[in-house]
N, C-alpha and C. Protein backbone atom coordinates (compact mmCIF):
# COMPACT_ATOMS: atom_id res chain seq x y z
N UNK A 1 -5.45 -7.36 -22.02
CA UNK A 1 -6.49 -7.22 -20.92
C UNK A 1 -6.76 -8.03 -20.20
N UNK A 2 -6.74 -8.16 -18.82
CA UNK A 2 -7.32 -9.04 -18.07
C UNK A 2 -8.66 -9.49 -18.56
N UNK A 3 -8.95 -10.90 -18.38
CA UNK A 3 -10.42 -11.11 -18.54
C UNK A 3 -11.67 -10.55 -17.83
N UNK A 4 -12.95 -10.96 -18.24
CA UNK A 4 -13.68 -10.12 -17.56
C UNK A 4 -14.24 -10.81 -15.98
N UNK A 5 -13.47 -11.92 -15.58
CA UNK A 5 -13.72 -12.13 -13.98
C UNK A 5 -12.20 -12.04 -13.66
N UNK A 6 -11.21 -11.15 -14.09
CA UNK A 6 -10.05 -11.05 -13.15
C UNK A 6 -9.90 -9.58 -13.26
N UNK A 7 -9.09 -9.48 -12.07
CA UNK A 7 -8.56 -8.27 -11.71
C UNK A 7 -7.36 -8.08 -11.12
N UNK A 8 -6.56 -7.21 -12.03
CA UNK A 8 -5.04 -6.95 -11.64
C UNK A 8 -4.81 -5.76 -10.62
N UNK A 9 -4.60 -5.89 -9.21
CA UNK A 9 -4.60 -4.76 -8.29
C UNK A 9 -3.34 -4.31 -8.05
N UNK A 10 -2.68 -3.08 -8.28
CA UNK A 10 -0.97 -2.83 -8.55
C UNK A 10 -0.94 -2.12 -7.36
N UNK A 11 -0.55 -2.54 -6.07
CA UNK A 11 -0.57 -1.67 -4.94
C UNK A 11 0.88 -1.34 -4.56
N UNK A 12 1.41 0.04 -4.58
CA UNK A 12 2.67 0.74 -4.47
C UNK A 12 2.61 1.69 -3.14
N UNK A 13 3.98 1.40 -2.37
CA UNK A 13 4.22 2.11 -1.13
C UNK A 13 4.68 3.60 -1.54
N UNK A 14 4.49 4.76 -0.96
CA UNK A 14 5.05 5.64 -1.36
C UNK A 14 6.53 5.76 -1.37
N UNK A 15 7.31 6.87 -1.96
CA UNK A 15 8.48 6.85 -1.85
C UNK A 15 9.11 7.37 -0.23
N UNK A 16 10.28 7.58 -0.39
CA UNK A 16 11.20 7.53 0.99
C UNK A 16 11.16 8.90 1.48
N UNK A 17 10.65 9.29 2.67
CA UNK A 17 10.89 10.44 3.91
C UNK A 17 11.69 10.47 4.71
N UNK A 18 11.98 11.69 5.29
CA UNK A 18 12.97 12.02 6.29
C UNK A 18 12.60 11.05 7.33
N UNK A 19 11.52 10.62 7.80
CA UNK A 19 11.29 9.60 9.09
C UNK A 19 11.59 8.10 8.68
N UNK A 20 11.28 7.91 7.34
CA UNK A 20 11.79 6.61 7.00
C UNK A 20 13.28 6.26 7.48
N UNK A 21 14.01 7.34 6.67
CA UNK A 21 15.43 7.46 6.80
C UNK A 21 16.07 7.10 8.33
N UNK A 22 15.13 7.65 9.04
CA UNK A 22 15.31 7.91 10.79
C UNK A 22 14.70 6.67 11.42
N UNK A 23 13.85 5.96 10.44
CA UNK A 23 13.12 4.76 10.99
C UNK A 23 12.19 5.09 12.23
N UNK A 24 11.73 6.40 12.04
CA UNK A 24 10.36 6.46 12.62
C UNK A 24 9.17 6.18 12.27
N UNK A 25 8.20 6.03 13.51
CA UNK A 25 6.82 5.47 13.01
C UNK A 25 6.33 6.85 12.52
N UNK A 26 5.62 6.55 11.42
CA UNK A 26 4.93 7.87 10.84
C UNK A 26 3.78 7.87 11.02
N UNK A 27 2.76 6.81 10.58
CA UNK A 27 1.29 6.68 10.83
C UNK A 27 0.59 7.38 10.16
N UNK A 28 -0.24 8.20 10.59
CA UNK A 28 -1.05 9.38 10.25
C UNK A 28 -0.40 11.10 10.03
N UNK A 29 0.93 11.07 10.71
CA UNK A 29 1.32 12.08 10.16
C UNK A 29 1.47 12.26 8.95
N UNK A 30 1.37 13.51 8.56
CA UNK A 30 1.56 14.09 7.17
C UNK A 30 2.69 14.55 6.40
N UNK A 31 3.63 13.67 6.32
CA UNK A 31 5.21 14.06 6.21
C UNK A 31 5.51 13.40 4.33
N UNK A 32 6.30 14.62 4.02
CA UNK A 32 6.40 14.65 2.71
C UNK A 32 7.68 13.88 2.34
N UNK A 33 7.84 13.63 1.23
CA UNK A 33 8.92 12.81 0.41
C UNK A 33 9.88 13.57 0.69
N UNK A 34 11.00 12.71 0.83
CA UNK A 34 12.53 13.57 1.06
C UNK A 34 13.33 13.55 -0.14
N UNK A 35 13.52 14.83 -0.68
CA UNK A 35 14.67 14.90 -1.83
C UNK A 35 15.83 15.23 -1.36
N UNK A 36 16.75 14.92 -2.11
CA UNK A 36 16.45 13.96 -3.23
C UNK A 36 16.72 12.12 -3.22
N UNK A 37 16.58 11.95 -2.09
CA UNK A 37 16.54 10.77 -1.53
C UNK A 37 15.57 9.40 -2.02
N UNK A 38 14.46 10.41 -2.10
CA UNK A 38 13.22 9.53 -3.07
C UNK A 38 13.11 9.42 -4.24
N UNK A 39 13.99 10.09 -5.13
CA UNK A 39 14.32 10.10 -6.52
C UNK A 39 14.24 9.07 -7.36
N UNK A 40 15.54 8.14 -6.71
CA UNK A 40 16.13 6.96 -7.28
C UNK A 40 14.72 5.83 -7.47
N UNK A 41 14.12 6.01 -6.07
CA UNK A 41 13.25 4.75 -6.13
C UNK A 41 12.11 4.96 -6.92
N UNK A 42 11.58 6.18 -6.91
CA UNK A 42 10.51 6.68 -7.69
C UNK A 42 10.58 6.76 -9.24
N UNK A 43 11.93 6.70 -9.84
CA UNK A 43 12.30 6.66 -10.77
C UNK A 43 12.01 5.21 -11.66
N UNK A 44 12.35 4.27 -11.01
CA UNK A 44 12.74 2.98 -11.01
C UNK A 44 10.86 2.65 -11.03
N UNK A 45 10.18 3.12 -10.37
CA UNK A 45 8.89 3.12 -10.40
C UNK A 45 8.05 3.56 -11.41
N UNK A 46 8.33 4.48 -11.91
CA UNK A 46 7.84 5.09 -12.87
C UNK A 46 8.52 4.43 -14.43
N UNK A 47 9.71 3.96 -14.37
CA UNK A 47 10.07 3.00 -15.64
C UNK A 47 8.94 1.81 -15.51
N UNK A 48 8.66 1.23 -14.24
CA UNK A 48 8.14 0.08 -14.54
C UNK A 48 6.90 0.05 -15.11
N UNK A 49 6.19 1.27 -14.81
CA UNK A 49 4.60 1.77 -14.79
C UNK A 49 4.46 2.45 -16.21
N UNK A 50 5.40 3.02 -16.70
CA UNK A 50 5.40 4.05 -17.29
C UNK A 50 4.41 3.30 -18.90
N UNK A 51 4.49 2.24 -18.85
CA UNK A 51 3.71 1.78 -20.29
C UNK A 51 2.51 0.99 -19.80
N UNK A 52 1.97 1.12 -18.78
CA UNK A 52 0.92 0.16 -18.19
C UNK A 52 -0.25 1.15 -18.16
N UNK A 53 -1.34 0.58 -18.37
CA UNK A 53 -2.79 1.08 -18.72
C UNK A 53 -3.69 1.05 -17.25
N UNK A 54 -4.23 1.76 -16.62
CA UNK A 54 -4.99 1.57 -15.54
C UNK A 54 -6.31 1.96 -15.63
N UNK A 55 -7.55 1.26 -15.45
CA UNK A 55 -8.78 1.67 -15.77
C UNK A 55 -9.17 2.35 -14.41
N UNK A 56 -8.43 2.63 -13.23
CA UNK A 56 -8.90 3.25 -12.14
C UNK A 56 -7.46 3.34 -11.35
N UNK A 57 -7.81 4.54 -10.29
CA UNK A 57 -6.38 5.10 -9.67
C UNK A 57 -6.69 5.26 -8.42
N UNK A 58 -6.40 4.81 -7.32
CA UNK A 58 -6.57 4.98 -6.00
C UNK A 58 -5.33 5.54 -5.24
N UNK A 59 -5.81 6.58 -4.26
CA UNK A 59 -4.52 7.04 -3.46
C UNK A 59 -5.02 7.46 -2.12
N UNK A 60 -3.81 6.98 -1.12
CA UNK A 60 -4.17 7.74 0.37
C UNK A 60 -4.13 9.21 0.17
N UNK A 61 -4.68 9.71 0.97
CA UNK A 61 -4.75 11.41 1.03
C UNK A 61 -3.63 12.05 1.38
N UNK A 62 -2.69 11.36 2.17
CA UNK A 62 -1.45 12.00 2.82
C UNK A 62 -0.84 12.56 2.13
N UNK A 63 0.32 13.67 2.03
CA UNK A 63 1.06 14.18 1.05
C UNK A 63 1.99 13.32 0.72
N UNK A 64 2.84 12.16 1.20
CA UNK A 64 4.04 11.49 0.77
C UNK A 64 3.37 10.62 -0.42
N UNK A 65 1.92 10.16 0.00
CA UNK A 65 1.21 9.49 -1.55
C UNK A 65 1.15 10.19 -2.41
N UNK A 66 0.35 11.26 -2.29
CA UNK A 66 -0.01 11.96 -3.32
C UNK A 66 1.06 12.85 -4.46
N UNK A 67 2.39 12.65 -3.72
CA UNK A 67 3.69 13.16 -4.25
C UNK A 67 4.06 12.18 -5.16
N UNK A 68 4.06 11.07 -4.71
CA UNK A 68 4.55 9.61 -5.49
C UNK A 68 3.66 9.17 -6.51
N UNK A 69 2.19 9.51 -6.62
CA UNK A 69 1.22 9.34 -7.53
C UNK A 69 1.96 10.37 -8.72
N UNK A 70 2.00 11.71 -8.25
CA UNK A 70 2.46 12.79 -9.38
C UNK A 70 3.72 12.26 -9.92
N UNK A 71 4.64 11.63 -9.35
CA UNK A 71 5.77 11.55 -10.00
C UNK A 71 5.49 10.28 -10.91
N UNK A 72 4.98 9.34 -10.57
CA UNK A 72 4.77 8.21 -11.54
C UNK A 72 3.95 8.37 -12.39
N UNK A 73 3.14 9.58 -12.46
CA UNK A 73 2.22 9.87 -13.61
C UNK A 73 2.84 10.82 -14.32
N UNK A 74 3.77 11.62 -13.89
CA UNK A 74 4.75 12.71 -14.78
C UNK A 74 4.70 12.08 -16.03
N UNK A 75 4.56 13.23 -17.28
CA UNK A 75 5.08 13.13 -18.54
C UNK A 75 3.61 11.95 -19.07
N UNK A 76 2.69 11.73 -18.45
CA UNK A 76 1.86 10.44 -18.86
C UNK A 76 0.48 11.41 -19.64
N UNK A 77 -0.30 10.93 -20.10
CA UNK A 77 -1.88 11.31 -20.56
C UNK A 77 -2.45 11.05 -19.50
N UNK A 78 -3.61 11.74 -19.23
CA UNK A 78 -4.44 11.25 -17.92
C UNK A 78 -5.20 10.31 -18.44
N UNK A 79 -5.48 9.26 -17.48
CA UNK A 79 -6.04 7.87 -18.29
C UNK A 79 -6.99 7.47 -17.23
N UNK A 80 -7.71 8.00 -15.85
CA UNK A 80 -8.42 7.58 -15.37
C UNK A 80 -8.43 8.29 -14.11
N UNK A 81 -9.91 8.72 -13.95
CA UNK A 81 -9.87 9.62 -12.26
C UNK A 81 -9.26 9.10 -11.10
N UNK A 82 -8.67 10.01 -10.72
CA UNK A 82 -7.83 9.62 -9.12
C UNK A 82 -8.84 9.67 -8.03
N UNK A 83 -9.09 8.33 -7.32
CA UNK A 83 -10.10 8.40 -5.93
C UNK A 83 -8.81 8.74 -4.83
N UNK A 84 -9.02 9.86 -4.32
CA UNK A 84 -8.28 10.35 -3.14
C UNK A 84 -8.94 9.71 -1.88
N UNK A 85 -8.31 8.80 -1.23
CA UNK A 85 -9.45 8.19 -0.28
C UNK A 85 -8.59 8.02 1.10
N UNK A 86 -9.19 8.42 2.19
CA UNK A 86 -8.51 8.12 3.54
C UNK A 86 -8.36 7.00 4.22
N UNK A 87 -9.32 5.87 3.51
CA UNK A 87 -9.19 4.47 4.06
C UNK A 87 -7.78 3.79 3.81
N UNK A 88 -7.18 4.27 2.93
CA UNK A 88 -5.93 3.91 2.20
C UNK A 88 -4.65 4.61 3.16
N UNK A 89 -4.93 5.45 4.30
CA UNK A 89 -3.83 6.00 5.29
C UNK A 89 -3.18 4.59 5.92
N UNK A 90 -1.87 4.72 6.43
CA UNK A 90 -1.36 4.03 6.91
C UNK A 90 -1.93 3.82 8.57
N UNK A 91 -1.48 2.86 9.08
CA UNK A 91 -2.18 2.33 10.46
C UNK A 91 -1.71 3.44 11.44
N UNK A 92 -2.67 4.01 12.06
CA UNK A 92 -2.23 4.83 12.99
C UNK A 92 -1.71 4.50 14.62
N UNK A 93 -0.37 5.09 14.47
CA UNK A 93 0.60 4.35 15.44
C UNK A 93 0.22 5.31 17.11
N UNK A 94 -0.54 6.03 17.06
CA UNK A 94 -1.14 6.74 18.11
C UNK A 94 0.32 7.27 18.75
N UNK A 95 0.61 7.09 20.21
CA UNK A 95 1.61 7.63 20.90
C UNK A 95 2.79 7.11 20.47
N UNK A 96 3.09 6.50 19.42
CA UNK A 96 4.30 5.99 18.87
C UNK A 96 4.85 6.52 17.75
N UNK A 97 3.87 7.40 17.11
CA UNK A 97 4.28 8.41 15.85
C UNK A 97 5.50 9.22 16.37
N UNK A 98 6.35 9.06 15.63
CA UNK A 98 7.44 10.15 15.83
C UNK A 98 8.70 9.44 16.59
N UNK A 99 8.13 8.20 17.12
CA UNK A 99 9.36 7.34 17.82
C UNK A 99 9.75 6.36 17.04
N UNK A 100 11.38 5.72 17.47
CA UNK A 100 11.74 4.82 16.61
C UNK A 100 11.81 3.79 17.53
N UNK A 101 12.36 2.48 17.28
CA UNK A 101 12.58 1.32 18.02
C UNK A 101 13.18 1.50 18.91
N UNK A 102 14.46 1.96 19.18
CA UNK A 102 15.31 2.23 20.29
C UNK A 102 14.72 2.92 21.39
N UNK A 103 13.73 3.65 21.02
CA UNK A 103 13.08 4.30 22.23
C UNK A 103 11.81 3.52 22.79
N UNK A 104 11.24 2.64 21.82
CA UNK A 104 10.33 1.76 22.55
C UNK A 104 10.32 0.52 22.94
N UNK A 105 11.71 0.22 22.84
CA UNK A 105 11.95 -1.37 22.53
C UNK A 105 11.84 -2.01 24.27
N UNK A 106 11.87 -1.17 25.04
CA UNK A 106 11.84 -1.50 26.76
C UNK A 106 10.39 -1.53 27.12
N UNK A 107 9.51 -0.67 26.49
CA UNK A 107 8.21 -0.60 26.98
C UNK A 107 7.32 -1.47 26.81
N UNK A 108 7.06 -2.23 27.96
CA UNK A 108 5.94 -3.60 28.02
C UNK A 108 4.60 -3.28 27.20
N UNK A 109 4.14 -2.04 26.87
CA UNK A 109 3.02 -1.85 26.14
C UNK A 109 3.42 -2.18 24.73
N UNK A 110 4.54 -1.74 24.33
CA UNK A 110 5.03 -1.78 22.86
C UNK A 110 5.16 -3.31 22.49
N UNK A 111 6.06 -4.00 23.47
CA UNK A 111 6.42 -5.50 23.17
C UNK A 111 4.71 -6.29 23.11
N UNK A 112 3.86 -5.77 23.69
CA UNK A 112 2.65 -6.39 23.73
C UNK A 112 1.98 -6.08 22.55
N UNK A 113 2.42 -5.09 21.70
CA UNK A 113 1.56 -4.48 20.43
C UNK A 113 2.23 -5.51 19.39
N UNK A 114 3.62 -5.66 19.73
CA UNK A 114 4.47 -6.37 18.76
C UNK A 114 3.91 -7.96 18.63
N UNK A 115 3.83 -8.50 19.91
CA UNK A 115 3.53 -9.66 19.89
C UNK A 115 2.33 -10.03 19.63
N UNK A 116 1.06 -9.07 19.80
CA UNK A 116 -0.34 -9.38 19.18
C UNK A 116 0.14 -9.13 17.96
N UNK A 117 0.65 -8.79 17.05
CA UNK A 117 0.81 -8.80 15.58
C UNK A 117 0.02 -7.41 15.47
N UNK A 118 -0.35 -6.36 16.21
CA UNK A 118 -0.96 -5.30 15.65
C UNK A 118 -2.46 -5.79 16.05
N UNK A 119 -2.74 -6.73 16.39
CA UNK A 119 -4.11 -6.62 17.04
C UNK A 119 -4.89 -6.07 17.83
N UNK A 120 -3.81 -6.01 19.09
CA UNK A 120 -3.87 -4.98 20.20
C UNK A 120 -3.33 -3.74 19.73
N UNK A 121 -4.22 -2.31 20.13
CA UNK A 121 -4.31 -1.19 19.46
C UNK A 121 -3.11 -0.63 19.95
N UNK A 122 -2.10 0.26 19.50
CA UNK A 122 -1.23 0.91 20.29
C UNK A 122 -1.77 2.20 21.08
N UNK A 123 -1.10 2.56 22.22
CA UNK A 123 -1.89 3.54 23.11
C UNK A 123 -2.43 5.06 22.34
N UNK A 124 -3.35 5.15 21.87
CA UNK A 124 -4.25 6.46 21.34
C UNK A 124 -4.19 5.84 19.71
N UNK A 125 -3.88 4.88 19.31
CA UNK A 125 -3.92 4.21 18.34
C UNK A 125 -4.72 3.24 17.71
N UNK A 126 -4.14 2.77 16.35
CA UNK A 126 -5.39 1.73 15.88
C UNK A 126 -4.79 0.21 15.66
N UNK A 127 -5.82 -0.41 15.84
CA UNK A 127 -5.70 -2.07 15.50
C UNK A 127 -5.22 -2.50 14.38
N UNK A 128 -4.88 -3.65 14.09
CA UNK A 128 -4.93 -4.02 12.44
C UNK A 128 -6.20 -4.61 12.34
N UNK A 129 -6.88 -4.65 13.44
CA UNK A 129 -8.59 -5.09 13.03
C UNK A 129 -9.08 -3.86 12.50
N UNK A 130 -9.01 -2.72 13.16
CA UNK A 130 -9.50 -1.52 12.65
C UNK A 130 -9.44 -1.37 10.84
N UNK A 131 -7.74 -1.48 11.09
CA UNK A 131 -7.16 -1.40 9.63
C UNK A 131 -7.70 -2.16 8.65
N UNK A 132 -8.01 -3.67 8.93
CA UNK A 132 -8.78 -4.57 7.87
C UNK A 132 -10.03 -4.22 8.06
N UNK A 133 -10.92 -3.59 8.88
CA UNK A 133 -12.37 -3.31 8.40
C UNK A 133 -12.22 -2.13 7.59
N UNK A 134 -11.57 -0.93 7.62
CA UNK A 134 -11.66 0.02 6.76
C UNK A 134 -11.03 -0.70 5.31
N UNK A 135 -9.88 -1.37 5.12
CA UNK A 135 -9.81 -1.55 3.84
C UNK A 135 -10.70 -2.81 3.43
N UNK A 136 -11.51 -3.22 4.09
CA UNK A 136 -12.32 -4.62 3.40
C UNK A 136 -13.59 -3.64 3.00
N UNK A 137 -13.65 -2.39 3.55
CA UNK A 137 -14.97 -1.63 3.22
C UNK A 137 -14.67 -1.04 1.68
N UNK A 138 -13.30 -0.64 1.41
CA UNK A 138 -12.81 -0.23 0.47
C UNK A 138 -12.46 -1.09 -0.79
N UNK A 139 -12.28 -2.03 -0.42
CA UNK A 139 -11.79 -3.39 -1.35
C UNK A 139 -13.45 -3.57 -2.01
N UNK A 140 -14.51 -3.67 -0.87
CA UNK A 140 -15.77 -3.99 -1.52
C UNK A 140 -16.12 -3.34 -2.54
N UNK A 141 -15.77 -2.00 -2.45
CA UNK A 141 -16.32 -0.84 -3.45
C UNK A 141 -15.43 -1.11 -4.91
N UNK A 142 -13.83 -1.60 -4.82
CA UNK A 142 -13.11 -1.82 -6.08
C UNK A 142 -13.77 -3.32 -6.60
N UNK A 143 -14.13 -4.27 -5.57
CA UNK A 143 -14.62 -5.41 -6.53
C UNK A 143 -15.79 -5.14 -7.28
N UNK A 144 -16.91 -4.14 -6.61
CA UNK A 144 -18.25 -3.91 -6.99
C UNK A 144 -17.94 -3.21 -8.40
N UNK A 145 -16.99 -2.08 -8.32
CA UNK A 145 -16.57 -1.81 -9.86
C UNK A 145 -15.94 -2.46 -10.91
N UNK A 146 -15.11 -3.20 -10.46
CA UNK A 146 -14.59 -4.38 -11.27
C UNK A 146 -15.89 -5.07 -12.16
N UNK A 147 -17.11 -5.68 -11.21
CA UNK A 147 -17.87 -6.91 -11.21
C UNK A 147 -18.85 -5.99 -12.23
N UNK A 148 -18.76 -4.55 -11.97
CA UNK A 148 -19.77 -3.55 -12.98
C UNK A 148 -19.38 -3.36 -14.33
N UNK A 149 -18.08 -3.88 -14.53
CA UNK A 149 -17.70 -3.68 -15.95
C UNK A 149 -16.63 -3.02 -15.96
N UNK A 150 -15.35 -2.82 -17.12
CA UNK A 150 -14.45 -1.67 -17.48
C UNK A 150 -13.12 -1.28 -16.35
N UNK A 151 -13.37 -1.95 -15.29
CA UNK A 151 -12.06 -1.66 -14.56
C UNK A 151 -11.53 -3.03 -14.26
N UNK A 152 -10.46 -3.38 -14.86
CA UNK A 152 -9.75 -4.81 -14.83
C UNK A 152 -8.23 -4.74 -14.47
N UNK A 153 -8.11 -3.14 -14.37
CA UNK A 153 -6.46 -3.04 -13.83
C UNK A 153 -6.36 -1.48 -13.06
N UNK A 154 -6.00 -1.84 -11.54
CA UNK A 154 -6.39 -0.80 -10.97
C UNK A 154 -5.05 -0.26 -10.43
N UNK A 155 -4.62 0.81 -10.26
CA UNK A 155 -3.13 1.46 -9.48
C UNK A 155 -3.90 1.70 -8.20
N UNK A 156 -3.02 1.55 -7.16
CA UNK A 156 -3.27 2.03 -5.80
C UNK A 156 -1.87 2.54 -5.07
N UNK A 157 -2.03 3.95 -4.71
CA UNK A 157 -0.89 4.20 -3.98
C UNK A 157 -1.02 4.35 -2.62
N UNK A 158 -0.26 3.85 -1.75
CA UNK A 158 -0.60 3.72 -0.27
C UNK A 158 0.81 3.65 0.51
N UNK A 159 0.43 2.68 1.67
CA UNK A 159 1.44 2.88 2.72
C UNK A 159 1.81 1.02 3.09
N UNK A 160 3.04 1.36 3.68
CA UNK A 160 3.52 0.04 4.30
C UNK A 160 2.44 -1.03 5.03
N UNK A 161 1.91 -0.46 5.72
CA UNK A 161 0.96 -1.20 6.64
C UNK A 161 -0.33 -1.72 5.75
N UNK A 162 -0.98 -0.96 5.05
CA UNK A 162 -1.56 -1.08 4.16
C UNK A 162 -1.38 -2.28 3.06
N UNK A 163 -0.23 -2.36 2.81
CA UNK A 163 0.37 -3.48 1.98
C UNK A 163 0.62 -4.64 2.65
N UNK A 164 1.25 -4.71 3.58
CA UNK A 164 1.01 -5.64 4.53
C UNK A 164 -0.41 -6.38 4.95
N UNK A 165 -1.42 -5.63 5.15
CA UNK A 165 -2.63 -6.34 5.64
C UNK A 165 -3.18 -6.83 4.23
N UNK A 166 -3.09 -6.45 3.10
CA UNK A 166 -3.50 -6.98 1.85
C UNK A 166 -2.52 -8.21 1.62
N UNK A 167 -1.24 -7.95 1.81
CA UNK A 167 -0.51 -9.47 1.65
C UNK A 167 -0.89 -10.35 2.49
N UNK A 168 -1.28 -9.95 4.11
CA UNK A 168 -2.17 -11.04 5.12
C UNK A 168 -3.34 -11.57 4.39
N UNK A 169 -4.04 -10.80 3.67
CA UNK A 169 -5.24 -11.05 3.00
C UNK A 169 -5.44 -12.16 2.11
N UNK A 170 -4.32 -11.63 1.08
CA UNK A 170 -4.39 -12.28 -0.01
C UNK A 170 -3.09 -13.40 -0.48
N UNK A 171 -2.17 -13.27 0.30
CA UNK A 171 -1.12 -14.21 0.44
C UNK A 171 -1.07 -14.97 1.56
N UNK A 172 -2.27 -15.04 2.54
CA UNK A 172 -2.19 -15.82 3.79
C UNK A 172 -0.64 -15.83 4.71
N UNK A 173 -0.12 -14.70 4.87
CA UNK A 173 1.23 -14.73 5.69
C UNK A 173 0.97 -13.95 6.83
N UNK A 174 1.93 -13.98 7.68
CA UNK A 174 1.94 -13.13 8.90
C UNK A 174 2.06 -11.67 8.55
N UNK A 175 1.16 -10.76 8.94
CA UNK A 175 1.06 -9.39 8.77
C UNK A 175 2.76 -8.73 9.16
N UNK A 176 3.76 -9.16 10.22
CA UNK A 176 4.77 -8.78 10.18
C UNK A 176 5.59 -9.04 9.13
N UNK A 177 5.49 -10.40 8.54
CA UNK A 177 6.02 -10.57 7.20
C UNK A 177 5.64 -10.14 5.78
N UNK A 178 4.73 -9.30 5.83
CA UNK A 178 4.21 -8.49 4.28
C UNK A 178 5.00 -7.18 4.49
N UNK A 179 6.19 -7.29 4.53
CA UNK A 179 7.09 -5.46 4.43
C UNK A 179 7.08 -5.59 2.88
N UNK A 180 7.17 -4.29 2.18
CA UNK A 180 7.63 -3.79 1.14
C UNK A 180 8.35 -2.45 1.37
N UNK A 181 9.54 -2.36 0.91
CA UNK A 181 10.29 -0.76 1.01
C UNK A 181 9.59 0.14 0.08
N UNK A 182 9.92 1.13 0.38
CA UNK A 182 9.41 2.35 -0.43
C UNK A 182 9.40 2.64 -1.73
N UNK A 183 8.54 2.63 -2.29
CA UNK A 183 8.28 2.98 -4.05
C UNK A 183 8.48 1.53 -4.53
N UNK A 184 7.98 0.57 -3.36
CA UNK A 184 7.88 -0.79 -4.27
C UNK A 184 6.52 -1.13 -3.82
N UNK A 185 6.02 -2.25 -4.28
CA UNK A 185 4.83 -2.65 -4.06
C UNK A 185 4.33 -4.17 -4.57
N UNK A 186 3.18 -4.62 -4.53
CA UNK A 186 3.01 -5.91 -5.20
C UNK A 186 1.69 -5.76 -6.27
N UNK A 187 1.87 -6.81 -7.08
CA UNK A 187 0.62 -6.91 -8.33
C UNK A 187 0.17 -8.47 -7.90
N UNK A 188 -1.50 -8.10 -7.33
CA UNK A 188 -2.28 -8.86 -6.88
C UNK A 188 -3.14 -9.28 -8.19
N UNK A 189 -2.98 -10.67 -8.90
CA UNK A 189 -3.96 -10.93 -9.57
C UNK A 189 -5.17 -11.61 -9.08
N UNK A 190 -6.49 -10.93 -9.11
CA UNK A 190 -7.30 -11.68 -8.72
C UNK A 190 -8.56 -12.04 -9.32
N UNK A 191 -9.16 -13.58 -9.23
CA UNK A 191 -10.26 -13.94 -9.78
C UNK A 191 -11.67 -14.00 -9.00
N UNK A 192 -12.30 -13.81 -9.86
CA UNK A 192 -13.95 -13.62 -9.21
C UNK A 192 -14.47 -15.03 -9.72
N UNK A 193 -14.98 -15.99 -8.49
CA UNK A 193 -15.68 -17.30 -8.78
C UNK A 193 -16.64 -17.32 -7.85
N UNK A 194 -17.26 -18.36 -7.86
CA UNK A 194 -18.47 -18.29 -6.87
C UNK A 194 -18.23 -18.29 -5.52
N UNK A 195 -16.96 -18.23 -4.83
CA UNK A 195 -16.88 -18.01 -3.61
C UNK A 195 -16.38 -16.58 -3.41
N UNK A 196 -16.24 -15.63 -4.42
CA UNK A 196 -15.92 -14.36 -4.23
C UNK A 196 -14.58 -14.00 -4.91
N UNK A 197 -13.91 -13.05 -4.82
CA UNK A 197 -12.66 -12.70 -5.04
C UNK A 197 -11.44 -13.60 -4.50
N UNK A 198 -10.76 -14.33 -5.10
CA UNK A 198 -9.59 -14.98 -4.72
C UNK A 198 -8.38 -14.69 -5.56
N UNK A 199 -7.31 -14.27 -4.77
CA UNK A 199 -5.91 -14.26 -5.14
C UNK A 199 -5.31 -15.42 -5.61
N UNK A 200 -4.93 -15.40 -7.33
CA UNK A 200 -4.20 -16.49 -7.86
C UNK A 200 -2.87 -16.18 -7.98
N UNK A 201 -2.32 -15.11 -7.59
CA UNK A 201 -1.11 -14.88 -7.56
C UNK A 201 -0.82 -13.36 -7.26
N UNK A 202 0.59 -13.31 -6.73
CA UNK A 202 1.25 -11.99 -6.33
C UNK A 202 2.45 -12.11 -6.40
N UNK A 203 3.10 -10.78 -7.17
CA UNK A 203 4.61 -10.65 -7.29
C UNK A 203 5.17 -9.52 -6.93
N UNK A 204 6.01 -9.27 -6.77
CA UNK A 204 6.76 -7.58 -6.61
C UNK A 204 6.81 -6.79 -7.83
N UNK A 205 6.51 -5.37 -7.30
CA UNK A 205 6.46 -4.42 -8.33
C UNK A 205 7.57 -3.30 -7.71
N UNK A 206 8.38 -2.96 -8.55
CA UNK A 206 8.95 -3.54 -9.51
C UNK A 206 9.33 -4.87 -9.53
N UNK A 207 9.55 -5.59 -10.49
CA UNK A 207 10.18 -7.09 -10.78
C UNK A 207 11.25 -6.67 -10.46
N UNK A 208 11.85 -7.87 -9.36
CA UNK A 208 13.22 -7.84 -9.00
C UNK A 208 14.31 -8.02 -10.37
N UNK A 209 15.54 -7.52 -10.44
CA UNK A 209 16.31 -7.52 -11.58
C UNK A 209 16.40 -8.71 -12.36
N UNK A 210 16.64 -9.83 -11.67
CA UNK A 210 16.63 -11.21 -12.20
C UNK A 210 15.55 -11.66 -12.81
N UNK A 211 14.54 -10.99 -12.52
CA UNK A 211 12.90 -11.55 -13.15
C UNK A 211 13.01 -11.01 -14.25
N UNK A 212 13.72 -9.31 -14.44
CA UNK A 212 13.28 -8.73 -15.79
C UNK A 212 13.88 -9.21 -16.89
N UNK A 213 13.03 -9.35 -17.92
CA UNK A 213 13.81 -9.82 -19.64
C UNK A 213 14.57 -8.82 -19.76
């Protein structure tokens, strides 16, 4: 188990949806998983997490994340209360939801959004600054629970944009560089020092085949 000043945050993306396969922006749209296309990825994720214990579980309230969590937890004894939280939703893409790159690539407003790394909100949507603010509020609560004792390993089921923002924060990389595919994620090892919680390492979940013993 991690030491008292250490928090292991396992953050995974939901499984594949039809809109993922069609490369459409989903955002806040409540799109369900696409079966059987989602099965293989979720089975690999189940194998990866099957023997791991978590002191707390957090999940976006959108259907695709709740279905992913149900699959990951299938056949396991309940271990922790599940906190369903709208702050873990995907970035709100506003007018771009349901559309794909080929439909948007010649739109000056879309190009400006891309060039701003999402800091400029989409028409009718949300900026990455707003995403950062709501995730910051959620993280403050996670850190407070860890500092209060008893929560040293936490599972989070969320979305691609949320993981991009967490990677930007903890790995200091560009927001657009932090992509993970569906049913995959990151393990952030966070250490509480005098300057607050800092990331000491970040690794892929599940681990690439070449890194698996």
